Amino acid sequence: MGNIIIKEVATRKELHEFIFLPEKVHKEEPDWLPPIYMDEKLLFDKKKNKSYKYADAVLLLAWKDKKPVGRIMGLINRRYNEIHNEQHGRFCFMECYNEQEIFHALIEWVEKWVKQNGMIKLVGPLGFSDKDPQGFQIEGFEYPMFITSANNSSYMPKLIEAEGYEKKVDLVNYLADMPKKLPEIYEKILSRLEKTEGYKILEFKSKKELKPFIIPTLEIMNETFMEIYGFVPLNDSEKIEFADRYLMIVDPKLIKLAEVNGELIGFALALADVSPAIKACNGRLLPFGIFKVLNESKHSKKLLMMLGGVKKPYRSKGVDVLMGVKILQSALEHKMEIIDSHLVLEDNTRMRGEYERVGGKVVKKFRIYQKTL
């Protein structure tokens, strides 16, 4: 199209351009949060990332005047399509300068590619699963960006809507002050469950204590997340990769597991927000960035509520509340002051209600788009 050239990433040099293009695009945006580039290199490595075994993917760069000006990943998640009986392609990890012709050239290439492979709809931004950054942020750009979410420029929603894309689903992000005192209903649930025979909350002081529970916890995630839009169950090798990816920055004290009569039935995971440290080291953990991240994790005032799930037979009994309360108690011990919900699907009324119960307000909104081909 015009002087825009779209090329598949085929060499190590082109892959390097693909991975590091975002920091060029966002160079004039002082509040932009880079990804952790160590993770990006693993994510886009077709030999090391096991997700490529069940998904067809293409990495594209847009070139203009012999310089990279945009990127996109096209994806056909065969495992998800089979489970949900869909014929949907995906696009993700899209970045470009604020020029419609660049955006158009990238998205049009992916549209043609997924259509040629039998797909009838293109959705995104959506990666291998909902664990990858999803959606374009559409509201709340005045608030700080946070890890593992879309950190796009404010012009991206306008560019995609100009291509005929419409809303598929929205996700919201809440902020709340850390409560000094728990709502009375939480106190009642806490008291009742702690007295109920067989119920037990597992808490950890070290990663050594936590490590034996990581794979069983991810198996619960597979079971409990099947209803969540975009989720793809992890196989055994992906569980190990996922654990390795986050074990470095998790604080065991912010992970709570629930048992009933020795059976693991639920989990809740929070992180200290280390986004300022990632920004300070420009997404590069080595050689010294990791020390900034570890220091930030000890002193962060913001709690990121990342993941949680309870097996179906034990839902609506307050188990999720019990784990959440235990996390808040640990966060208060760390002198944290703010709760950040991370991303919550707009129709998850139960979870949204819990954040609103503690005074949470929606500050950001993210949108996954769709287009029938």
Foldseek 3Di string as FASTA:
>chain_A
DPQKDKDWDDDPVSLVCLLPVVCVQCVVPLQFFHAQSVVVVQVPDCVRDCQVVQKPKIKMFIDGPNHTFKIKMKMDRNQVCVVVVALEIEIAPIDGHLDLVNVCVHVVVSVVVSVVVPGFKYKWPADSFVQAATFAWAFQPVDHDFYRYDRYDNNVVVSVVVVVKDFDFKKFKWKFWQDPDDPPVLVVLLVVQVPDPQKDKDADQDVVVVVVCQLVQLVLVQQFCPVPPRHDRDDPSVSVVVCVVCVLQFGRRLKMWMGGNRHTFKIWGKFQTQRVLCSVVVSHCPPPSSVSSNVCRLQGQEIEGDDMGGHDVCPPSCPVSNSVVSNSVSSVVSVHTMYMDPIDTPPPVVVVVVCVSNPIDTNIMGGMIMDGD
